[in-house]
């Protein structure tokens, strides 16, 4: 009985959250947004932004990429902690953490435009398309775990080769951070 009640509640919540209405009061009541997070979905990729002081302009950007079967949400606590430690180390820096849902993961799984091949190079190009679509500067740092690390490597390499255009800049080392990758063998 309890299991069927949980399934019923879960399916009702899913239906309310996936409503096709442009605005729904249920989104505010049932979503788990945090004060400093802003969830977004473009036709390119879904992502969350974390910035400790959103009223200030960001001075540096880090993309945080999850591993296989994960989503950007897996990295919210880590990203908040990292942003806080970076600010403590250099108070003049205001980091924006962009927690990306890679293709076919998290909220990006709903995006129909992401066509095959579904490989690391396509996932890296999706990051470049996200930067271009949003009109952002190229990220200063790319943090990737497991599969996300492989995507980060492909992204950095493609940026340095100029695959994404002349304006593409590879992630760089600066006073507060450097390119960080975590790969599993």
Protein backbone atom coordinates (compact mmCIF):
# COMPACT_ATOMS: atom_id res chain seq x y z
CA UNK A 1 0.00 0.00 0.00
CA UNK A 2 2.75 2.47 0.95
CA UNK A 3 4.67 1.63 -2.24
CA UNK A 4 1.66 2.29 -4.45
CA UNK A 5 1.05 5.61 -2.65
CA UNK A 6 4.69 6.62 -3.27
CA UNK A 7 4.43 5.66 -6.95
CA UNK A 8 1.17 7.57 -7.22
CA UNK A 9 2.64 10.69 -5.59
CA UNK A 10 5.77 10.42 -7.70
CA UNK A 11 3.84 10.08 -10.96
CA UNK A 12 1.56 13.00 -10.02
CA UNK A 13 4.60 15.16 -9.25
CA UNK A 14 6.21 14.17 -12.57
CA UNK A 15 3.04 15.01 -14.50
CA UNK A 16 2.74 18.38 -12.76
CA UNK A 17 6.39 19.26 -13.37
CA UNK A 18 6.32 18.18 -17.01
CA UNK A 19 3.16 20.11 -17.79
CA UNK A 20 3.28 21.69 -21.23
CA UNK A 21 1.90 24.96 -19.89
CA UNK A 22 4.35 27.84 -20.19
CA UNK A 23 3.83 28.77 -16.55
CA UNK A 24 2.58 26.58 -13.76
CA UNK A 25 2.37 27.36 -10.05
CA UNK A 26 3.25 23.70 -9.39
CA UNK A 27 6.77 24.33 -10.69
CA UNK A 28 7.42 26.68 -7.77
CA UNK A 29 5.87 24.38 -5.19
CA UNK A 30 7.40 21.11 -6.34
CA UNK A 31 10.80 22.07 -7.73
CA UNK A 32 13.88 22.00 -5.55
CA UNK A 33 15.53 25.24 -6.59
CA UNK A 34 18.02 26.86 -4.26
CA UNK A 35 18.31 30.61 -3.72
CA UNK A 36 21.50 31.05 -5.74
CA UNK A 37 20.77 28.52 -8.47
CA UNK A 38 19.13 29.38 -11.74
CA UNK A 39 17.94 26.47 -13.89
CA UNK A 40 17.94 27.01 -17.63
CA UNK A 41 17.30 25.04 -20.76
CA UNK A 42 18.22 26.22 -24.20
CA UNK A 43 17.79 24.35 -27.44
CA UNK A 44 21.45 23.44 -26.95
CA UNK A 45 21.81 22.04 -23.40
CA UNK A 46 20.14 22.32 -20.00
CA UNK A 47 22.21 23.82 -17.20
CA UNK A 48 22.12 25.37 -13.74
CA UNK A 49 24.11 28.40 -12.69
CA UNK A 50 25.54 28.89 -9.24
CA UNK A 51 26.96 32.24 -8.25
CA UNK A 52 27.43 33.19 -4.61
CA UNK A 53 26.56 36.85 -5.23
CA UNK A 54 24.28 36.88 -8.29
CA UNK A 55 23.86 40.66 -8.05
CA UNK A 56 27.57 41.08 -8.90
CA UNK A 57 28.90 40.46 -12.39
CA UNK A 58 30.94 37.27 -12.63
CA UNK A 59 34.66 37.65 -13.24
CA UNK A 60 35.34 33.99 -14.01
CA UNK A 61 33.34 31.00 -15.22
CA UNK A 62 33.74 27.29 -14.59
CA UNK A 63 31.85 24.58 -16.44
CA UNK A 64 31.20 21.53 -14.24
CA UNK A 65 30.56 18.30 -16.15
CA UNK A 66 29.09 15.15 -14.64
CA UNK A 67 29.92 11.53 -15.35
CA UNK A 68 27.95 8.83 -17.15
CA UNK A 69 24.34 8.52 -15.93
CA UNK A 70 24.70 11.74 -13.89
CA UNK A 71 23.47 15.29 -14.23
CA UNK A 72 24.67 18.75 -13.29
CA UNK A 73 22.58 18.60 -10.12
CA UNK A 74 24.99 15.96 -8.77
CA UNK A 75 27.60 18.70 -8.45
CA UNK A 76 25.67 21.53 -6.72
CA UNK A 77 27.21 21.11 -3.26
CA UNK A 78 30.71 20.69 -4.71
CA UNK A 79 30.25 23.78 -6.91
CA UNK A 80 28.99 25.96 -4.05
CA UNK A 81 31.91 24.85 -1.88
CA UNK A 82 34.44 25.44 -4.66
CA UNK A 83 33.00 28.91 -5.41
CA UNK A 84 33.13 29.77 -1.71
CA UNK A 85 36.74 28.61 -1.35
CA UNK A 86 37.78 30.50 -4.47
CA UNK A 87 36.15 33.68 -3.16
CA UNK A 88 37.89 33.24 0.22
CA UNK A 89 41.19 32.87 -1.60
CA UNK A 90 40.62 35.86 -3.87
CA UNK A 91 37.76 38.11 -2.67
CA UNK A 92 37.79 40.21 -5.84
CA UNK A 93 36.85 37.18 -7.98
CA UNK A 94 33.18 36.32 -8.46
CA UNK A 95 32.91 32.84 -9.94
CA UNK A 96 29.93 31.58 -11.92
CA UNK A 97 29.62 27.80 -11.91
CA UNK A 98 27.70 26.37 -14.85
CA UNK A 99 26.49 22.85 -14.09
CA UNK A 100 25.80 21.38 -17.50
CA UNK A 101 23.50 18.45 -18.25
CA UNK A 102 25.42 16.76 -21.07
CA UNK A 103 23.49 15.38 -24.03
CA UNK A 104 21.02 12.60 -23.17
CA UNK A 105 21.46 13.26 -19.43
CA UNK A 106 19.37 15.17 -16.89
CA UNK A 107 17.12 17.81 -18.43
CA UNK A 108 19.09 17.74 -21.69
CA UNK A 109 17.58 14.30 -22.38
CA UNK A 110 14.36 16.10 -23.33
CA UNK A 111 16.01 18.15 -26.08
CA UNK A 112 15.14 16.63 -29.45
CA UNK A 113 17.66 18.68 -31.47
CA UNK A 114 20.66 16.69 -30.17
CA UNK A 115 21.11 14.20 -32.97
CA UNK A 116 23.68 11.40 -33.36
CA UNK A 117 26.49 10.67 -33.16
CA UNK A 118 26.32 10.68 -29.36
CA UNK A 119 30.05 10.71 -28.62
CA UNK A 120 32.58 12.84 -26.72
CA UNK A 121 33.24 15.15 -29.68
CA UNK A 122 29.52 15.88 -30.11
CA UNK A 123 29.18 16.50 -26.37
CA UNK A 124 32.17 18.89 -26.48
CA UNK A 125 30.67 20.72 -29.47
CA UNK A 126 27.42 21.05 -27.49
CA UNK A 127 29.42 23.01 -24.88
CA UNK A 128 30.76 25.33 -27.58
CA UNK A 129 27.24 25.78 -28.96
CA UNK A 130 26.01 26.62 -25.45
CA UNK A 131 28.68 29.33 -25.08
CA UNK A 132 27.81 30.79 -28.48
CA UNK A 133 24.02 30.57 -28.01
CA UNK A 134 24.15 32.30 -24.62
CA UNK A 135 26.68 34.90 -25.78
CA UNK A 136 29.06 34.00 -22.93
CA UNK A 137 32.80 34.37 -22.85
CA UNK A 138 34.62 31.05 -23.10
CA UNK A 139 34.93 29.31 -19.70
CA UNK A 140 38.06 29.90 -17.64
CA UNK A 141 37.93 26.42 -16.12
CA UNK A 142 36.30 23.13 -17.11
CA UNK A 143 35.86 20.55 -14.34
CA UNK A 144 34.87 17.07 -15.45
CA UNK A 145 34.31 13.79 -13.67
CA UNK A 146 34.74 10.50 -15.51
CA UNK A 147 32.88 10.88 -18.83
CA UNK A 148 32.69 14.62 -18.14
CA UNK A 149 36.49 14.66 -17.92
CA UNK A 150 36.73 13.11 -21.36
CA UNK A 151 34.31 15.70 -22.73
CA UNK A 152 36.36 18.46 -21.04
CA UNK A 153 39.55 17.16 -22.68
CA UNK A 154 37.90 17.05 -26.10
CA UNK A 155 36.47 20.56 -25.55
CA UNK A 156 39.86 22.02 -24.55
CA UNK A 157 41.64 20.32 -27.44
CA UNK A 158 39.02 21.44 -29.97
CA UNK A 159 39.14 25.03 -28.65
CA UNK A 160 42.93 25.14 -28.98
CA UNK A 161 42.72 23.78 -32.56
CA UNK A 162 40.19 26.46 -33.49
CA UNK A 163 37.43 23.93 -34.28
CA UNK A 164 34.76 26.22 -32.79
CA UNK A 165 35.83 29.37 -34.60
CA UNK A 166 38.42 32.09 -34.15
CA UNK A 167 36.81 33.46 -30.98
CA UNK A 168 37.07 30.11 -29.16
CA UNK A 169 39.50 30.24 -26.26
CA UNK A 170 40.67 27.09 -24.49
CA UNK A 171 40.22 26.94 -20.71
CA UNK A 172 43.12 28.74 -19.09
CA UNK A 173 44.97 29.00 -15.84
CA UNK A 174 44.39 32.21 -13.93
CA UNK A 175 44.98 33.56 -10.43
CA UNK A 176 42.15 31.50 -8.93
CA UNK A 177 42.05 28.25 -10.84
CA UNK A 178 43.25 26.01 -13.60
CA UNK A 179 41.98 23.29 -15.85
CA UNK A 180 40.93 20.41 -13.61
CA UNK A 181 40.06 16.99 -14.94
CA UNK A 182 39.19 13.74 -13.25
CA UNK A 183 39.38 10.70 -15.49
CA UNK A 184 38.74 7.11 -14.56
CA UNK A 185 40.55 4.33 -16.39
